[in-house]
Amino acid sequence: MIRFGGHHDTAEADQQTAVAGDGRELFVRHARKDGRLVAVLRAVDRGGSCIVEAEVYPQGTTQLSRPGPYTFADAHQASAFVTEAVAALMYLGCDIQAQ
């Protein structure tokens, strides 16, 4: 199930503004499991390329993990990557929120 919109806490808002100077944000996906934020995927257009930034919140720890960033030639490739990642997260029981 994909849910759009919804509650946004202050930490998520701060994360979104972190890329403002690095390019144009294309989209953000938040993955939650049992109401707990587990991952944020953000696609950013940097002109000559697109990147996907990931923030992962492992269960049982307060330490944030930032794998990547993953660089793609264009927005289409970045979107395909995020689509696959979202499908995997949904398979694992996460609710996805788009922004």
C-alpha atoms as a PDB file:
ATOM      1  CA  MET A   1       0.000   0.000   0.000  1.00  0.00           C
ATOM      2  CA  ILE A   2       1.353   3.405  -0.923  1.00  0.00           C
ATOM      3  CA  ARG A   3       0.166   6.329   1.162  1.00  0.00           C
ATOM      4  CA  PHE A   4       0.679   9.875  -0.011  1.00  0.00           C
ATOM      5  CA  GLY A   5       1.032  12.903   2.238  1.00  0.00           C
ATOM      6  CA  GLY A   6       0.589  12.416   5.935  1.00  0.00           C
ATOM      7  CA  HIS A   7       2.457  13.482   9.030  1.00  0.00           C
ATOM      8  CA  HIS A   8       5.900  15.064   8.681  1.00  0.00           C
ATOM      9  CA  ASP A   9       8.029  15.531  11.748  1.00  0.00           C
ATOM     10  CA  THR A  10      10.647  18.226  12.231  1.00  0.00           C
ATOM     11  CA  ALA A  11      13.576  15.884  11.558  1.00  0.00           C
ATOM     12  CA  GLU A  12      12.130  15.005   8.160  1.00  0.00           C
ATOM     13  CA  ALA A  13      11.633  18.676   7.288  1.00  0.00           C
ATOM     14  CA  ASP A  14      15.249  19.425   8.240  1.00  0.00           C
ATOM     15  CA  GLN A  15      16.457  16.574   6.016  1.00  0.00           C
ATOM     16  CA  GLN A  16      14.519  17.931   3.054  1.00  0.00           C
ATOM     17  CA  THR A  17      16.108  21.345   3.264  1.00  0.00           C
ATOM     18  CA  ALA A  18      19.610  19.865   3.494  1.00  0.00           C
ATOM     19  CA  VAL A  19      19.831  19.449  -0.297  1.00  0.00           C
ATOM     20  CA  ALA A  20      18.391  22.826  -1.272  1.00  0.00           C
ATOM     21  CA  GLY A  21      21.769  24.282  -2.289  1.00  0.00           C
ATOM     22  CA  ASP A  22      22.937  21.140  -4.112  1.00  0.00           C
ATOM     23  CA  GLY A  23      20.330  21.011  -6.872  1.00  0.00           C
ATOM     24  CA  ARG A  24      16.625  20.749  -7.544  1.00  0.00           C
ATOM     25  CA  GLU A  25      14.804  18.150  -5.479  1.00  0.00           C
ATOM     26  CA  LEU A  26      12.698  15.949  -7.758  1.00  0.00           C
ATOM     27  CA  PHE A  27      10.918  13.788  -5.182  1.00  0.00           C
ATOM     28  CA  VAL A  28      11.182  12.216  -1.731  1.00  0.00           C
ATOM     29  CA  ARG A  29       9.887   8.868  -0.498  1.00  0.00           C
ATOM     30  CA  HIS A  30       9.519   8.043   3.210  1.00  0.00           C
ATOM     31  CA  ALA A  31       9.316   4.398   4.271  1.00  0.00           C
ATOM     32  CA  ARG A  32       7.684   3.548   7.591  1.00  0.00           C
ATOM     33  CA  LYS A  33       7.167   0.218   9.258  1.00  0.00           C
ATOM     34  CA  ASP A  34       4.784  -0.015  12.182  1.00  0.00           C
ATOM     35  CA  GLY A  35       4.701   3.793  12.247  1.00  0.00           C
ATOM     36  CA  ARG A  36       8.493   4.105  12.613  1.00  0.00           C
ATOM     37  CA  LEU A  37      10.543   5.891   9.952  1.00  0.00           C
ATOM     38  CA  VAL A  38      12.996   3.374   8.470  1.00  0.00           C
ATOM     39  CA  ALA A  39      14.253   5.082   5.302  1.00  0.00           C
ATOM     40  CA  VAL A  40      14.124   8.269   3.247  1.00  0.00           C
ATOM     41  CA  LEU A  41      14.992   8.298  -0.459  1.00  0.00           C
ATOM     42  CA  ARG A  42      15.484  11.662  -2.138  1.00  0.00           C
ATOM     43  CA  ALA A  43      16.155  12.299  -5.836  1.00  0.00           C
ATOM     44  CA  VAL A  44      17.994  15.506  -6.728  1.00  0.00           C
ATOM     45  CA  ASP A  45      18.617  16.910 -10.211  1.00  0.00           C
ATOM     46  CA  ARG A  46      22.081  18.453 -10.372  1.00  0.00           C
ATOM     47  CA  GLY A  47      21.926  19.578 -13.970  1.00  0.00           C
ATOM     48  CA  GLY A  48      24.297  17.132 -15.675  1.00  0.00           C
ATOM     49  CA  SER A  49      23.259  14.193 -13.517  1.00  0.00           C
ATOM     50  CA  CYS A  50      20.751  13.061 -10.926  1.00  0.00           C
ATOM     51  CA  ILE A  51      21.547  11.618  -7.543  1.00  0.00           C
ATOM     52  CA  VAL A  52      19.553   9.582  -5.094  1.00  0.00           C
ATOM     53  CA  GLU A  53      20.366  10.188  -1.449  1.00  0.00           C
ATOM     54  CA  ALA A  54      19.350   7.559   1.090  1.00  0.00           C
ATOM     55  CA  GLU A  55      18.911   7.833   4.831  1.00  0.00           C
ATOM     56  CA  VAL A  56      18.375   4.588   6.711  1.00  0.00           C
ATOM     57  CA  TYR A  57      17.274   4.347  10.330  1.00  0.00           C
ATOM     58  CA  PRO A  58      18.243   0.820  11.488  1.00  0.00           C
ATOM     59  CA  GLN A  59      15.994  -0.820  14.058  1.00  0.00           C
ATOM     60  CA  GLY A  60      17.392  -0.959  17.567  1.00  0.00           C
ATOM     61  CA  THR A  61      19.775   1.958  17.144  1.00  0.00           C
ATOM     62  CA  THR A  62      19.588   5.736  17.002  1.00  0.00           C
ATOM     63  CA  GLN A  63      22.487   5.941  14.539  1.00  0.00           C
ATOM     64  CA  LEU A  64      21.569   7.211  11.065  1.00  0.00           C
ATOM     65  CA  SER A  65      23.149   5.476   8.074  1.00  0.00           C
ATOM     66  CA  ARG A  66      23.644   7.327   4.770  1.00  0.00           C
ATOM     67  CA  PRO A  67      24.550   4.854   2.023  1.00  0.00           C
ATOM     68  CA  GLY A  68      25.362   6.368  -1.357  1.00  0.00           C
ATOM     69  CA  PRO A  69      24.742   8.881  -2.846  1.00  0.00           C
ATOM     70  CA  TYR A  70      23.864   6.998  -6.013  1.00  0.00           C
ATOM     71  CA  THR A  71      24.577   8.906  -9.230  1.00  0.00           C
ATOM     72  CA  PHE A  72      22.589   8.476 -12.455  1.00  0.00           C
ATOM     73  CA  ALA A  73      22.792  10.057 -15.893  1.00  0.00           C
ATOM     74  CA  ASP A  74      19.238  11.391 -15.783  1.00  0.00           C
ATOM     75  CA  ALA A  75      16.003  11.588 -13.815  1.00  0.00           C
ATOM     76  CA  HIS A  76      14.560   8.534 -15.580  1.00  0.00           C
ATOM     77  CA  GLN A  77      17.376   6.289 -14.326  1.00  0.00           C
ATOM     78  CA  ALA A  78      17.157   7.745 -10.810  1.00  0.00           C
ATOM     79  CA  SER A  79      13.393   7.214 -10.776  1.00  0.00           C
ATOM     80  CA  ALA A  80      13.779   3.581 -11.896  1.00  0.00           C
ATOM     81  CA  PHE A  81      16.237   2.972  -9.049  1.00  0.00           C
ATOM     82  CA  VAL A  82      13.879   4.489  -6.462  1.00  0.00           C
ATOM     83  CA  THR A  83      10.934   2.531  -7.883  1.00  0.00           C
ATOM     84  CA  GLU A  84      12.834  -0.736  -7.353  1.00  0.00           C
ATOM     85  CA  ALA A  85      13.889   0.282  -3.838  1.00  0.00           C
ATOM     86  CA  VAL A  86      10.307   1.241  -2.947  1.00  0.00           C
ATOM     87  CA  ALA A  87       9.040  -2.105  -4.266  1.00  0.00           C
ATOM     88  CA  ALA A  88      11.517  -3.915  -2.010  1.00  0.00           C
ATOM     89  CA  LEU A  89      10.523  -1.834   1.005  1.00  0.00           C
ATOM     90  CA  MET A  90       6.840  -2.519   0.329  1.00  0.00           C
ATOM     91  CA  TYR A  91       7.574  -6.244   0.079  1.00  0.00           C
ATOM     92  CA  LEU A  92       9.168  -5.979   3.531  1.00  0.00           C
ATOM     93  CA  GLY A  93       5.956  -4.445   4.916  1.00  0.00           C
ATOM     94  CA  CYS A  94       6.736  -0.741   4.784  1.00  0.00           C
ATOM     95  CA  ASP A  95       4.215   1.980   4.042  1.00  0.00           C
ATOM     96  CA  ILE A  96       5.541   4.482   1.513  1.00  0.00           C
ATOM     97  CA  GLN A  97       4.730   8.177   1.625  1.00  0.00           C
ATOM     98  CA  ALA A  98       5.496  10.426  -1.328  1.00  0.00           C
ATOM     99  CA  GLN A  99       6.271  14.115  -1.095  1.00  0.00           C
END
